[in-house]
C-alpha atoms as a PDB file:
ATOM      1  CA  MET A   1      66.165 129.921 150.319  1.00  0.00           C
ATOM      2  CA  ILE A   2      69.648 128.539 150.664  1.00  0.00           C
ATOM      3  CA  GLY A   3      72.304 130.962 151.786  1.00  0.00           C
ATOM      4  CA  PRO A   4      75.113 132.077 149.503  1.00  0.00           C
ATOM      5  CA  LEU A   5      77.718 129.486 148.668  1.00  0.00           C
ATOM      6  CA  ARG A   6      81.044 129.637 150.321  1.00  0.00           C
ATOM      7  CA  THR A   7      83.831 130.691 147.998  1.00  0.00           C
ATOM      8  CA  ALA A   8      85.349 127.192 147.711  1.00  0.00           C
ATOM      9  CA  GLU A   9      81.975 125.651 146.849  1.00  0.00           C
ATOM     10  CA  ALA A  10      81.254 128.338 144.278  1.00  0.00           C
ATOM     11  CA  LEU A  11      84.607 127.888 142.556  1.00  0.00           C
ATOM     12  CA  ASP A  12      84.920 124.114 142.960  1.00  0.00           C
ATOM     13  CA  PRO A  13      81.623 122.213 143.095  1.00  0.00           C
ATOM     14  CA  ILE A  14      83.548 118.951 143.618  1.00  0.00           C
ATOM     15  CA  SER A  15      84.363 120.145 147.125  1.00  0.00           C
ATOM     16  CA  THR A  16      80.804 119.282 148.196  1.00  0.00           C
ATOM     17  CA  PRO A  17      79.534 115.703 148.653  1.00  0.00           C
ATOM     18  CA  GLN A  18      76.833 116.292 146.051  1.00  0.00           C
ATOM     19  CA  GLY A  19      79.393 117.679 143.607  1.00  0.00           C
ATOM     20  CA  ARG A  20      81.638 114.659 144.129  1.00  0.00           C
ATOM     21  CA  ALA A  21      78.704 112.312 143.550  1.00  0.00           C
ATOM     22  CA  GLU A  22      77.737 114.138 140.354  1.00  0.00           C
ATOM     23  CA  ALA A  23      81.328 114.047 139.091  1.00  0.00           C
ATOM     24  CA  ARG A  24      81.540 110.326 139.892  1.00  0.00           C
ATOM     25  CA  ASP A  25      78.281 109.700 138.031  1.00  0.00           C
ATOM     26  CA  ARG A  26      79.558 111.622 134.997  1.00  0.00           C
ATOM     27  CA  ARG A  27      82.801 109.618 134.999  1.00  0.00           C
ATOM     28  CA  ARG A  28      80.880 106.357 135.233  1.00  0.00           C
ATOM     29  CA  ALA A  29      78.601 107.378 132.361  1.00  0.00           C
ATOM     30  CA  ILE A  30      81.596 108.279 130.193  1.00  0.00           C
ATOM     31  CA  LEU A  31      83.351 104.997 131.009  1.00  0.00           C
ATOM     32  CA  ARG A  32      80.151 103.028 130.359  1.00  0.00           C
ATOM     33  CA  ASP A  33      79.753 104.662 126.935  1.00  0.00           C
ATOM     34  CA  ALA A  34      83.423 104.080 126.115  1.00  0.00           C
ATOM     35  CA  ALA A  35      83.160 100.415 127.130  1.00  0.00           C
ATOM     36  CA  ARG A  36      80.041 100.012 124.989  1.00  0.00           C
ATOM     37  CA  ALA A  37      81.859 101.512 121.992  1.00  0.00           C
ATOM     38  CA  VAL A  38      84.869  99.235 122.516  1.00  0.00           C
ATOM     39  CA  ARG A  39      82.623  96.160 122.752  1.00  0.00           C
ATOM     40  CA  TRP A  40      80.800  97.175 119.566  1.00  0.00           C
ATOM     41  CA  LEU A  41      84.104  97.680 117.752  1.00  0.00           C
ATOM     42  CA  ALA A  42      85.459  94.334 118.988  1.00  0.00           C
ATOM     43  CA  TRP A  43      82.349  92.378 117.950  1.00  0.00           C
ATOM     44  CA  THR A  44      82.245  94.165 114.584  1.00  0.00           C
ATOM     45  CA  SER A  45      85.889  93.253 113.982  1.00  0.00           C
ATOM     46  CA  VAL A  46      85.249  89.621 114.910  1.00  0.00           C
ATOM     47  CA  GLY A  47      82.240  89.537 112.594  1.00  0.00           C
ATOM     48  CA  LEU A  48      84.222  90.966 109.694  1.00  0.00           C
ATOM     49  CA  LEU A  49      87.018  88.465 110.291  1.00  0.00           C
ATOM     50  CA  VAL A  50      84.533  85.580 110.275  1.00  0.00           C
ATOM     51  CA  ILE A  51      82.934  86.863 107.067  1.00  0.00           C
ATOM     52  CA  GLY A  52      86.378  87.178 105.491  1.00  0.00           C
ATOM     53  CA  LEU A  53      87.331  83.668 106.567  1.00  0.00           C
ATOM     54  CA  ILE A  54      84.108  82.211 105.166  1.00  0.00           C
ATOM     55  CA  GLY A  55      84.694  84.074 101.904  1.00  0.00           C
ATOM     56  CA  HIS A  56      88.275  82.839 101.719  1.00  0.00           C
ATOM     57  CA  VAL A  57      87.279  79.211 102.329  1.00  0.00           C
ATOM     58  CA  ALA A  58      84.458  79.474  99.781  1.00  0.00           C
ATOM     59  CA  ASP A  59      86.812  81.012  97.217  1.00  0.00           C
ATOM     60  CA  LYS A  60      89.328  78.198  97.707  1.00  0.00           C
ATOM     61  CA  ALA A  61      86.604  75.537  97.501  1.00  0.00           C
ATOM     62  CA  ILE A  62      85.122  77.018  94.315  1.00  0.00           C
ATOM     63  CA  GLY A  63      88.597  77.317  92.821  1.00  0.00           C
ATOM     64  CA  GLN A  64      89.287  73.668  93.622  1.00  0.00           C
ATOM     65  CA  VAL A  65      85.992  72.563  92.032  1.00  0.00           C
ATOM     66  CA  ILE A  66      86.766  74.558  88.882  1.00  0.00           C
ATOM     67  CA  HIS A  67      90.278  73.117  88.799  1.00  0.00           C
ATOM     68  CA  ASP A  68      88.925  69.577  89.191  1.00  0.00           C
ATOM     69  CA  MET A  69      86.343  70.153  86.440  1.00  0.00           C
ATOM     70  CA  HIS A  70      88.974  71.388  84.020  1.00  0.00           C
ATOM     71  CA  GLY A  71      91.208  68.468  84.943  1.00  0.00           C
ATOM     72  CA  SER A  72      88.462  65.957  84.152  1.00  0.00           C
ATOM     73  CA  GLU A  73      87.730  67.709  80.833  1.00  0.00           C
ATOM     74  CA  VAL A  74      91.381  67.446  79.841  1.00  0.00           C
ATOM     75  CA  SER A  75      91.500  63.742  80.743  1.00  0.00           C
ATOM     76  CA  GLN A  76      88.304  63.106  78.724  1.00  0.00           C
ATOM     77  CA  TRP A  77      89.827  64.701  75.640  1.00  0.00           C
ATOM     78  CA  ALA A  78      93.038  62.734  76.111  1.00  0.00           C
ATOM     79  CA  ASN A  79      91.158  59.437  75.859  1.00  0.00           C
END
């Protein structure tokens, strides 16, 4: 059995090499999860922007086709 912890180790587990390693691992895990969330948010934002741009271009193209069709109908009736 391991002897009783010294007071500093009992109150502050980071004061031991194992405690420092565990704290470092926890920090790395938190940073890794945060980075993953930021990447997901960035790619989602880019995807939504691309979808919006495609929708905008399609809307303009459809509007132009409709405008051209109405223009040709008007010119047919004028003749």
